[in-house]
Amino acid sequence: QVQLVESGGGLVQAGGSLRLSCVGSGGTFSDYVMGWFRQAPGKEREFVAAISRGRVNRDYAGSVKGRFTISRDNAKNTVSLQMNSLKPEDTAVYYCAASPYGDTYDRRESQYNNWGQGTQVTVSS
């Protein structure tokens, strides 16, 4: 099992940028497909982005494609989410997650069995 800790959330105005980071410990980070999910108030948690073990393949939700970029550094046990052109509807708690299954990206929440505690992102209009 890998333990995940997110950081980098905060309050930003619409159009601004934030960079979220997630550090893993207690496992072999490169063995995991990594993903970011988010949960807005009153809504179910939803997929945001995922990256394969070897950083080659990436996948994005349609709502963030072209604005968000997921990346990972296996040597530093870190996955990041660069968020640009933020919108008020991006406001949510963002979660980092790790999946031990497969070697490419995966949107299915059920495939992720390691989760961080979440970091709040608030975008003001």
N, C-alpha and C. Protein backbone atom coordinates (compact mmCIF):
# COMPACT_ATOMS: atom_id res chain seq x y z
N GLN A 1 0.84 -1.19 0.00
CA GLN A 1 0.00 0.00 0.00
C GLN A 1 0.88 1.24 0.00
N VAL A 2 0.46 2.22 -0.74
CA VAL A 2 1.17 3.48 -0.78
C VAL A 2 0.32 4.53 -0.08
N GLN A 3 0.96 5.36 0.72
CA GLN A 3 0.27 6.46 1.38
C GLN A 3 0.47 7.72 0.56
N LEU A 4 -0.60 8.50 0.43
CA LEU A 4 -0.58 9.67 -0.45
C LEU A 4 -0.94 10.92 0.33
N VAL A 5 -0.20 11.98 0.09
CA VAL A 5 -0.46 13.27 0.73
C VAL A 5 -0.47 14.36 -0.33
N GLU A 6 -1.60 15.06 -0.43
CA GLU A 6 -1.74 16.14 -1.41
C GLU A 6 -1.37 17.48 -0.78
N SER A 7 -0.99 18.42 -1.61
CA SER A 7 -0.75 19.79 -1.20
C SER A 7 -0.96 20.70 -2.40
N GLY A 8 -1.04 22.00 -2.11
CA GLY A 8 -1.11 22.98 -3.19
C GLY A 8 -2.46 23.60 -3.42
N GLY A 9 -3.48 23.14 -2.69
CA GLY A 9 -4.79 23.74 -2.86
C GLY A 9 -4.83 25.16 -2.30
N GLY A 10 -5.93 25.84 -2.58
CA GLY A 10 -6.07 27.20 -2.06
C GLY A 10 -7.19 27.94 -2.75
N LEU A 11 -7.19 29.25 -2.54
CA LEU A 11 -8.19 30.14 -3.12
C LEU A 11 -7.55 30.93 -4.26
N VAL A 12 -8.21 30.94 -5.40
CA VAL A 12 -7.68 31.64 -6.57
C VAL A 12 -8.84 32.27 -7.32
N GLN A 13 -8.57 33.35 -8.00
CA GLN A 13 -9.61 33.98 -8.82
C GLN A 13 -9.78 33.24 -10.15
N ALA A 14 -10.94 33.38 -10.72
CA ALA A 14 -11.19 32.76 -12.03
C ALA A 14 -10.15 33.25 -13.04
N GLY A 15 -9.67 32.32 -13.83
CA GLY A 15 -8.62 32.63 -14.79
C GLY A 15 -7.23 32.37 -14.27
N GLY A 16 -7.12 32.15 -12.97
CA GLY A 16 -5.83 31.92 -12.36
C GLY A 16 -5.37 30.47 -12.47
N SER A 17 -4.24 30.20 -11.81
CA SER A 17 -3.63 28.88 -11.87
C SER A 17 -3.27 28.36 -10.49
N LEU A 18 -3.25 27.07 -10.36
CA LEU A 18 -2.77 26.39 -9.16
C LEU A 18 -2.06 25.11 -9.60
N ARG A 19 -1.13 24.69 -8.78
CA ARG A 19 -0.44 23.43 -9.03
C ARG A 19 -0.60 22.54 -7.81
N LEU A 20 -1.24 21.41 -7.99
CA LEU A 20 -1.39 20.44 -6.91
C LEU A 20 -0.29 19.40 -7.00
N SER A 21 0.18 18.98 -5.86
CA SER A 21 1.18 17.92 -5.79
C SER A 21 0.72 16.81 -4.87
N CYS A 22 1.19 15.63 -5.14
CA CYS A 22 0.85 14.47 -4.32
C CYS A 22 2.11 13.63 -4.17
N VAL A 23 2.51 13.40 -2.93
CA VAL A 23 3.70 12.61 -2.66
C VAL A 23 3.29 11.26 -2.10
N GLY A 24 3.88 10.21 -2.64
CA GLY A 24 3.59 8.87 -2.18
C GLY A 24 4.71 8.31 -1.33
N SER A 25 4.36 7.47 -0.36
CA SER A 25 5.36 6.81 0.47
C SER A 25 4.87 5.43 0.86
N GLY A 26 5.82 4.57 1.19
CA GLY A 26 5.45 3.24 1.68
C GLY A 26 5.22 2.22 0.60
N GLY A 27 5.48 2.56 -0.63
CA GLY A 27 5.30 1.61 -1.72
C GLY A 27 6.19 1.99 -2.88
N THR A 28 6.19 1.16 -3.92
CA THR A 28 6.96 1.46 -5.12
C THR A 28 6.08 2.31 -6.03
N PHE A 29 6.36 3.59 -6.05
CA PHE A 29 5.47 4.54 -6.71
C PHE A 29 5.25 4.21 -8.18
N SER A 30 6.30 3.77 -8.84
CA SER A 30 6.20 3.48 -10.27
C SER A 30 5.33 2.27 -10.58
N ASP A 31 4.91 1.53 -9.58
CA ASP A 31 4.03 0.38 -9.79
C ASP A 31 2.57 0.79 -9.94
N TYR A 32 2.28 2.07 -9.74
CA TYR A 32 0.90 2.52 -9.68
C TYR A 32 0.54 3.45 -10.83
N VAL A 33 -0.63 3.22 -11.39
CA VAL A 33 -1.28 4.24 -12.21
C VAL A 33 -1.78 5.31 -11.25
N MET A 34 -1.58 6.56 -11.60
CA MET A 34 -1.96 7.66 -10.70
C MET A 34 -3.09 8.48 -11.31
N GLY A 35 -3.99 8.92 -10.45
CA GLY A 35 -5.11 9.71 -10.92
C GLY A 35 -5.44 10.85 -9.97
N TRP A 36 -6.15 11.81 -10.51
CA TRP A 36 -6.73 12.89 -9.72
C TRP A 36 -8.24 12.84 -9.90
N PHE A 37 -8.93 12.98 -8.79
CA PHE A 37 -10.38 13.05 -8.78
C PHE A 37 -10.78 14.29 -8.00
N ARG A 38 -12.03 14.71 -8.11
CA ARG A 38 -12.50 15.85 -7.33
C ARG A 38 -13.96 15.64 -6.94
N GLN A 39 -14.31 16.31 -5.85
CA GLN A 39 -15.69 16.24 -5.36
C GLN A 39 -16.13 17.63 -4.96
N ALA A 40 -17.12 18.13 -5.66
CA ALA A 40 -17.71 19.43 -5.35
C ALA A 40 -18.83 19.24 -4.34
N PRO A 41 -19.17 20.29 -3.60
CA PRO A 41 -20.24 20.20 -2.59
C PRO A 41 -21.54 19.69 -3.22
N GLY A 42 -22.11 18.67 -2.59
CA GLY A 42 -23.38 18.15 -3.06
C GLY A 42 -23.31 17.27 -4.29
N LYS A 43 -22.09 17.00 -4.76
CA LYS A 43 -21.93 16.19 -5.97
C LYS A 43 -21.09 14.95 -5.68
N GLU A 44 -21.18 13.99 -6.58
CA GLU A 44 -20.37 12.79 -6.45
C GLU A 44 -18.94 13.09 -6.90
N ARG A 45 -18.03 12.28 -6.40
CA ARG A 45 -16.64 12.42 -6.81
C ARG A 45 -16.51 12.05 -8.28
N GLU A 46 -15.69 12.81 -9.01
CA GLU A 46 -15.56 12.58 -10.44
C GLU A 46 -14.10 12.54 -10.86
N PHE A 47 -13.86 11.84 -11.95
CA PHE A 47 -12.53 11.72 -12.51
C PHE A 47 -12.08 13.06 -13.09
N VAL A 48 -10.80 13.37 -12.91
CA VAL A 48 -10.21 14.58 -13.48
C VAL A 48 -9.12 14.23 -14.50
N ALA A 49 -8.14 13.45 -14.05
CA ALA A 49 -7.02 13.12 -14.93
C ALA A 49 -6.31 11.88 -14.41
N ALA A 50 -5.62 11.19 -15.30
CA ALA A 50 -4.85 10.02 -14.91
C ALA A 50 -3.61 9.91 -15.79
N ILE A 51 -2.61 9.22 -15.27
CA ILE A 51 -1.36 9.05 -15.99
C ILE A 51 -0.85 7.64 -15.77
N SER A 52 -0.32 7.07 -16.84
CA SER A 52 0.17 5.70 -16.77
C SER A 52 1.44 5.62 -15.94
N ARG A 53 1.84 4.40 -15.65
CA ARG A 53 3.02 4.17 -14.83
C ARG A 53 4.26 4.83 -15.44
N GLY A 54 4.40 4.68 -16.73
CA GLY A 54 5.60 5.16 -17.38
C GLY A 54 5.49 6.56 -17.93
N ARG A 55 4.45 7.30 -17.56
CA ARG A 55 4.26 8.70 -17.93
C ARG A 55 3.93 8.90 -19.41
N VAL A 56 3.77 7.83 -20.14
CA VAL A 56 3.57 7.97 -21.58
C VAL A 56 2.13 8.36 -21.90
N ASN A 57 1.19 7.73 -21.22
CA ASN A 57 -0.22 7.93 -21.54
C ASN A 57 -0.90 8.76 -20.47
N ARG A 58 -1.72 9.70 -20.93
CA ARG A 58 -2.47 10.57 -20.04
C ARG A 58 -3.92 10.63 -20.52
N ASP A 59 -4.81 10.88 -19.60
CA ASP A 59 -6.23 10.98 -19.91
C ASP A 59 -6.83 12.09 -19.09
N TYR A 60 -7.77 12.80 -19.68
CA TYR A 60 -8.38 13.94 -19.00
C TYR A 60 -9.90 13.91 -19.17
N ALA A 61 -10.59 14.37 -18.16
CA ALA A 61 -12.01 14.61 -18.31
C ALA A 61 -12.21 15.74 -19.31
N GLY A 62 -13.30 15.67 -20.05
CA GLY A 62 -13.56 16.68 -21.05
C GLY A 62 -13.61 18.09 -20.51
N SER A 63 -14.09 18.22 -19.26
CA SER A 63 -14.26 19.54 -18.65
C SER A 63 -12.94 20.22 -18.33
N VAL A 64 -11.84 19.47 -18.29
CA VAL A 64 -10.55 20.07 -17.92
C VAL A 64 -9.52 19.95 -19.03
N LYS A 65 -9.83 19.22 -20.08
CA LYS A 65 -8.87 19.00 -21.15
C LYS A 65 -8.47 20.33 -21.79
N GLY A 66 -7.18 20.51 -21.95
CA GLY A 66 -6.66 21.76 -22.49
C GLY A 66 -6.34 22.80 -21.43
N ARG A 67 -6.82 22.58 -20.22
CA ARG A 67 -6.55 23.53 -19.12
C ARG A 67 -5.68 22.89 -18.03
N PHE A 68 -5.85 21.61 -17.81
CA PHE A 68 -5.11 20.90 -16.76
C PHE A 68 -4.07 19.98 -17.40
N THR A 69 -2.96 19.80 -16.69
CA THR A 69 -1.92 18.88 -17.14
C THR A 69 -1.46 18.02 -15.96
N ILE A 70 -1.51 16.71 -16.17
CA ILE A 70 -1.03 15.78 -15.14
C ILE A 70 0.38 15.34 -15.51
N SER A 71 1.23 15.21 -14.50
CA SER A 71 2.59 14.75 -14.72
C SER A 71 3.04 13.97 -13.50
N ARG A 72 4.11 13.20 -13.67
CA ARG A 72 4.63 12.45 -12.53
C ARG A 72 6.15 12.36 -12.63
N ASP A 73 6.75 12.24 -11.47
CA ASP A 73 8.19 12.05 -11.35
C ASP A 73 8.38 10.84 -10.44
N ASN A 74 8.63 9.71 -11.04
CA ASN A 74 8.74 8.48 -10.24
C ASN A 74 9.96 8.50 -9.32
N ALA A 75 10.99 9.21 -9.71
CA ALA A 75 12.18 9.29 -8.86
C ALA A 75 11.88 10.05 -7.57
N LYS A 76 10.90 10.96 -7.63
CA LYS A 76 10.53 11.75 -6.45
C LYS A 76 9.21 11.30 -5.85
N ASN A 77 8.64 10.20 -6.38
CA ASN A 77 7.37 9.68 -5.86
C ASN A 77 6.28 10.74 -5.86
N THR A 78 6.23 11.51 -6.93
CA THR A 78 5.32 12.64 -6.97
C THR A 78 4.48 12.64 -8.24
N VAL A 79 3.20 12.98 -8.09
CA VAL A 79 2.34 13.26 -9.22
C VAL A 79 1.77 14.66 -9.03
N SER A 80 1.70 15.41 -10.10
CA SER A 80 1.26 16.80 -10.03
C SER A 80 0.09 17.05 -10.98
N LEU A 81 -0.66 18.09 -10.66
CA LEU A 81 -1.75 18.53 -11.53
C LEU A 81 -1.63 20.04 -11.68
N GLN A 82 -1.21 20.47 -12.85
CA GLN A 82 -1.14 21.90 -13.15
C GLN A 82 -2.49 22.33 -13.69
N MET A 83 -3.10 23.30 -13.01
CA MET A 83 -4.44 23.75 -13.37
C MET A 83 -4.37 25.21 -13.81
N ASN A 84 -4.68 25.44 -15.04
CA ASN A 84 -4.69 26.79 -15.61
C ASN A 84 -6.11 27.20 -16.00
N SER A 85 -6.29 28.49 -16.19
CA SER A 85 -7.59 29.01 -16.63
C SER A 85 -8.72 28.47 -15.76
N LEU A 86 -8.52 28.56 -14.47
CA LEU A 86 -9.49 27.98 -13.54
C LEU A 86 -10.82 28.69 -13.60
N LYS A 87 -11.87 27.92 -13.38
CA LYS A 87 -13.24 28.41 -13.42
C LYS A 87 -13.90 28.14 -12.07
N PRO A 88 -14.92 28.92 -11.72
CA PRO A 88 -15.62 28.65 -10.45
C PRO A 88 -16.12 27.21 -10.35
N GLU A 89 -16.48 26.60 -11.46
CA GLU A 89 -16.97 25.23 -11.42
C GLU A 89 -15.87 24.20 -11.16
N ASP A 90 -14.63 24.65 -11.11
CA ASP A 90 -13.52 23.76 -10.72
C ASP A 90 -13.40 23.66 -9.20
N THR A 91 -14.18 24.46 -8.48
CA THR A 91 -14.14 24.42 -7.03
C THR A 91 -14.54 23.04 -6.52
N ALA A 92 -13.67 22.45 -5.71
CA ALA A 92 -13.90 21.09 -5.22
C ALA A 92 -12.76 20.70 -4.29
N VAL A 93 -12.96 19.58 -3.62
CA VAL A 93 -11.85 18.93 -2.95
C VAL A 93 -11.21 17.98 -3.96
N TYR A 94 -9.90 18.11 -4.13
CA TYR A 94 -9.17 17.31 -5.12
C TYR A 94 -8.42 16.20 -4.40
N TYR A 95 -8.57 14.99 -4.94
CA TYR A 95 -7.97 13.81 -4.34
C TYR A 95 -6.97 13.17 -5.31
N CYS A 96 -5.86 12.79 -4.78
CA CYS A 96 -4.87 11.99 -5.48
C CYS A 96 -5.18 10.52 -5.19
N ALA A 97 -5.01 9.66 -6.20
CA ALA A 97 -5.32 8.25 -6.01
C ALA A 97 -4.34 7.38 -6.78
N ALA A 98 -4.11 6.17 -6.27
CA ALA A 98 -3.17 5.25 -6.89
C ALA A 98 -3.87 3.92 -7.17
N SER A 99 -3.66 3.42 -8.38
CA SER A 99 -4.23 2.13 -8.76
C SER A 99 -3.12 1.13 -9.05
N PRO A 100 -3.19 -0.06 -8.44
CA PRO A 100 -2.18 -1.08 -8.69
C PRO A 100 -2.49 -1.94 -9.91
N TYR A 101 -3.59 -1.64 -10.59
CA TYR A 101 -4.06 -2.49 -11.67
C TYR A 101 -3.69 -1.90 -13.02
N GLY A 102 -3.18 -2.74 -13.89
CA GLY A 102 -2.87 -2.32 -15.23
C GLY A 102 -1.66 -1.41 -15.27
N ASP A 103 -1.34 -0.94 -16.47
CA ASP A 103 -0.19 -0.06 -16.60
C ASP A 103 -0.49 1.20 -17.39
N THR A 104 -1.77 1.41 -17.73
CA THR A 104 -2.13 2.64 -18.43
C THR A 104 -3.12 3.41 -17.59
N TYR A 105 -3.59 4.55 -18.09
CA TYR A 105 -4.48 5.37 -17.30
C TYR A 105 -5.84 4.69 -17.15
N ASP A 106 -6.58 5.10 -16.14
CA ASP A 106 -7.88 4.49 -15.86
C ASP A 106 -8.79 5.51 -15.23
N ARG A 107 -10.01 5.64 -15.72
CA ARG A 107 -10.96 6.61 -15.19
C ARG A 107 -11.83 6.01 -14.09
N ARG A 108 -11.78 4.71 -13.93
CA ARG A 108 -12.72 4.06 -13.01
C ARG A 108 -12.25 4.21 -11.57
N GLU A 109 -13.06 4.89 -10.79
CA GLU A 109 -12.74 5.13 -9.39
C GLU A 109 -12.53 3.82 -8.65
N SER A 110 -13.26 2.80 -9.04
CA SER A 110 -13.19 1.50 -8.36
C SER A 110 -11.82 0.84 -8.48
N GLN A 111 -11.03 1.27 -9.45
CA GLN A 111 -9.71 0.68 -9.66
C GLN A 111 -8.64 1.27 -8.75
N TYR A 112 -8.98 2.33 -8.06
CA TYR A 112 -8.01 3.01 -7.19
C TYR A 112 -8.27 2.61 -5.75
N ASN A 113 -7.29 2.04 -5.10
CA ASN A 113 -7.47 1.59 -3.73
C ASN A 113 -6.57 2.31 -2.73
N ASN A 114 -5.91 3.36 -3.19
CA ASN A 114 -5.12 4.20 -2.30
C ASN A 114 -5.51 5.65 -2.58
N TRP A 115 -5.89 6.37 -1.52
CA TRP A 115 -6.40 7.72 -1.68
C TRP A 115 -5.72 8.66 -0.68
N GLY A 116 -5.49 9.88 -1.12
CA GLY A 116 -5.03 10.91 -0.21
C GLY A 116 -6.20 11.50 0.55
N GLN A 117 -5.89 12.45 1.42
CA GLN A 117 -6.92 13.04 2.27
C GLN A 117 -7.68 14.15 1.57
N GLY A 118 -7.14 14.62 0.45
CA GLY A 118 -7.80 15.68 -0.31
C GLY A 118 -7.26 17.06 0.01
N THR A 119 -7.35 17.94 -0.96
CA THR A 119 -6.95 19.33 -0.78
C THR A 119 -8.00 20.22 -1.43
N GLN A 120 -8.39 21.28 -0.74
CA GLN A 120 -9.48 22.13 -1.20
C GLN A 120 -8.97 23.13 -2.24
N VAL A 121 -9.70 23.23 -3.34
CA VAL A 121 -9.47 24.24 -4.35
C VAL A 121 -10.74 25.07 -4.48
N THR A 122 -10.60 26.38 -4.29
CA THR A 122 -11.74 27.27 -4.39
C THR A 122 -11.43 28.35 -5.43
N VAL A 123 -12.30 28.46 -6.42
CA VAL A 123 -12.11 29.45 -7.48
C VAL A 123 -13.23 30.47 -7.37
N SER A 124 -12.84 31.70 -7.14
CA SER A 124 -13.84 32.77 -6.99
C SER A 124 -14.09 33.45 -8.33
N SER A 125 -15.31 33.91 -8.50
CA SER A 125 -15.68 34.55 -9.77
C SER A 125 -15.41 36.05 -9.74
